[in-house]
Amino acid sequence: MGMRTVDVEYPDDALTSGLTEDQIKALAREALYVKLYEQGAISSGRAAQLLSMTRWEFLDLLGRYGVSYLDESADLDEEVRRAQP
């Protein structure tokens, strides 16, 4: 699977707030992969791999961004019916 690069502009005062350029880049990567996961474009496992973290760490990260790792659109009753023999 190929990878592409995205350039992100940010204001100079982001650096004066105490963040380093590397921290800003890491934050942008986190936000991108969280959003891609939220939109269903990437799995939690793949996002974790790309962020060099475990899947559990990525699921924790989702919580910090206010993104649910549960498929809230799923019909729970239907899922239970399919799971029963």
C-alpha atoms as a PDB file:
ATOM      1  CA  MET A   1       0.000   0.000   0.000  1.00  0.00           C
ATOM      2  CA  GLY A   2       1.462   3.344  -1.014  1.00  0.00           C
ATOM      3  CA  MET A   3       1.667   6.406   1.136  1.00  0.00           C
ATOM      4  CA  ARG A   4       1.275  10.052   0.223  1.00  0.00           C
ATOM      5  CA  THR A   5       2.313  13.228   2.011  1.00  0.00           C
ATOM      6  CA  VAL A   6       0.110  16.133   3.053  1.00  0.00           C
ATOM      7  CA  ASP A   7       1.459  19.568   3.936  1.00  0.00           C
ATOM      8  CA  VAL A   8      -0.382  21.365   6.720  1.00  0.00           C
ATOM      9  CA  GLU A   9      -0.087  25.062   7.397  1.00  0.00           C
ATOM     10  CA  TYR A  10      -0.186  26.285  10.981  1.00  0.00           C
ATOM     11  CA  PRO A  11       0.245  29.718  12.544  1.00  0.00           C
ATOM     12  CA  ASP A  12       3.594  30.797  13.972  1.00  0.00           C
ATOM     13  CA  ASP A  13       2.017  31.345  17.373  1.00  0.00           C
ATOM     14  CA  ALA A  14       1.477  27.584  17.637  1.00  0.00           C
ATOM     15  CA  LEU A  15       5.224  27.346  18.192  1.00  0.00           C
ATOM     16  CA  THR A  16       5.190  30.089  20.806  1.00  0.00           C
ATOM     17  CA  SER A  17       2.501  28.181  22.735  1.00  0.00           C
ATOM     18  CA  GLY A  18       5.142  25.674  23.792  1.00  0.00           C
ATOM     19  CA  LEU A  19       4.608  23.093  21.065  1.00  0.00           C
ATOM     20  CA  THR A  20       7.554  22.054  18.946  1.00  0.00           C
ATOM     21  CA  GLU A  21       7.283  21.566  15.203  1.00  0.00           C
ATOM     22  CA  ASP A  22       7.572  17.783  15.702  1.00  0.00           C
ATOM     23  CA  GLN A  23       4.719  17.849  18.243  1.00  0.00           C
ATOM     24  CA  ILE A  24       2.538  19.787  15.804  1.00  0.00           C
ATOM     25  CA  LYS A  25       3.287  17.255  13.058  1.00  0.00           C
ATOM     26  CA  ALA A  26       2.445  14.373  15.413  1.00  0.00           C
ATOM     27  CA  LEU A  27      -0.813  16.078  16.404  1.00  0.00           C
ATOM     28  CA  ALA A  28      -1.753  16.554  12.748  1.00  0.00           C
ATOM     29  CA  ARG A  29      -1.044  12.872  12.020  1.00  0.00           C
ATOM     30  CA  GLU A  30      -3.155  11.789  15.008  1.00  0.00           C
ATOM     31  CA  ALA A  31      -6.056  13.981  13.972  1.00  0.00           C
ATOM     32  CA  LEU A  32      -5.875  12.735  10.376  1.00  0.00           C
ATOM     33  CA  TYR A  33      -5.943   9.051  11.303  1.00  0.00           C
ATOM     34  CA  VAL A  34      -8.700   9.568  13.876  1.00  0.00           C
ATOM     35  CA  LYS A  35     -10.820  11.339  11.240  1.00  0.00           C
ATOM     36  CA  LEU A  36     -10.104   8.679   8.609  1.00  0.00           C
ATOM     37  CA  TYR A  37     -11.149   6.014  11.128  1.00  0.00           C
ATOM     38  CA  GLU A  38     -14.303   7.947  12.038  1.00  0.00           C
ATOM     39  CA  GLN A  39     -15.274   8.128   8.364  1.00  0.00           C
ATOM     40  CA  GLY A  40     -14.683   4.398   7.877  1.00  0.00           C
ATOM     41  CA  ALA A  41     -11.744   4.903   5.511  1.00  0.00           C
ATOM     42  CA  ILE A  42      -9.242   3.068   7.719  1.00  0.00           C
ATOM     43  CA  SER A  43      -9.407   0.389  10.423  1.00  0.00           C
ATOM     44  CA  SER A  44      -8.375   0.983  14.007  1.00  0.00           C
ATOM     45  CA  GLY A  45      -5.619  -1.582  13.599  1.00  0.00           C
ATOM     46  CA  ARG A  46      -4.210   0.131  10.522  1.00  0.00           C
ATOM     47  CA  ALA A  47      -4.409   3.570  12.138  1.00  0.00           C
ATOM     48  CA  ALA A  48      -2.604   2.231  15.208  1.00  0.00           C
ATOM     49  CA  GLN A  49       0.078   0.705  13.020  1.00  0.00           C
ATOM     50  CA  LEU A  50       0.612   3.977  11.142  1.00  0.00           C
ATOM     51  CA  LEU A  51       0.862   5.859  14.449  1.00  0.00           C
ATOM     52  CA  SER A  52       3.287   3.259  15.871  1.00  0.00           C
ATOM     53  CA  MET A  53       0.991   2.395  18.758  1.00  0.00           C
ATOM     54  CA  THR A  54      -1.080  -0.563  19.854  1.00  0.00           C
ATOM     55  CA  ARG A  55      -4.710  -0.867  18.816  1.00  0.00           C
ATOM     56  CA  TRP A  56      -5.721  -0.317  22.471  1.00  0.00           C
ATOM     57  CA  GLU A  57      -3.703   2.896  22.579  1.00  0.00           C
ATOM     58  CA  PHE A  58      -5.466   4.043  19.402  1.00  0.00           C
ATOM     59  CA  LEU A  59      -8.877   3.240  20.908  1.00  0.00           C
ATOM     60  CA  ASP A  60      -7.884   5.344  23.924  1.00  0.00           C
ATOM     61  CA  LEU A  61      -6.851   8.135  21.549  1.00  0.00           C
ATOM     62  CA  LEU A  62     -10.303   7.984  19.936  1.00  0.00           C
ATOM     63  CA  GLY A  63     -11.819   8.690  23.344  1.00  0.00           C
ATOM     64  CA  ARG A  64      -9.603  11.748  23.779  1.00  0.00           C
ATOM     65  CA  TYR A  65     -10.913  13.028  20.432  1.00  0.00           C
ATOM     66  CA  GLY A  66     -14.514  12.224  21.388  1.00  0.00           C
ATOM     67  CA  VAL A  67     -14.840   9.560  18.693  1.00  0.00           C
ATOM     68  CA  SER A  68     -16.629   6.321  19.528  1.00  0.00           C
ATOM     69  CA  TYR A  69     -14.981   3.057  18.531  1.00  0.00           C
ATOM     70  CA  LEU A  70     -18.385   1.371  18.515  1.00  0.00           C
ATOM     71  CA  ASP A  71     -20.403   1.277  15.330  1.00  0.00           C
ATOM     72  CA  GLU A  72     -23.295   3.353  16.598  1.00  0.00           C
ATOM     73  CA  SER A  73     -25.198   2.854  13.356  1.00  0.00           C
ATOM     74  CA  ALA A  74     -25.402  -0.899  13.906  1.00  0.00           C
ATOM     75  CA  ASP A  75     -28.729  -2.340  14.962  1.00  0.00           C
ATOM     76  CA  LEU A  76     -27.867  -4.028  18.262  1.00  0.00           C
ATOM     77  CA  ASP A  77     -31.013  -6.190  18.279  1.00  0.00           C
ATOM     78  CA  GLU A  78     -30.179  -7.512  14.816  1.00  0.00           C
ATOM     79  CA  GLU A  79     -26.594  -8.256  15.862  1.00  0.00           C
ATOM     80  CA  VAL A  80     -27.845 -10.237  18.902  1.00  0.00           C
ATOM     81  CA  ARG A  81     -30.300 -12.223  16.737  1.00  0.00           C
ATOM     82  CA  ARG A  82     -27.508 -13.147  14.289  1.00  0.00           C
ATOM     83  CA  ALA A  83     -25.226 -14.213  17.130  1.00  0.00           C
ATOM     84  CA  GLN A  84     -27.769 -16.662  18.585  1.00  0.00           C
ATOM     85  CA  PRO A  85     -27.812 -20.253  17.236  1.00  0.00           C
END
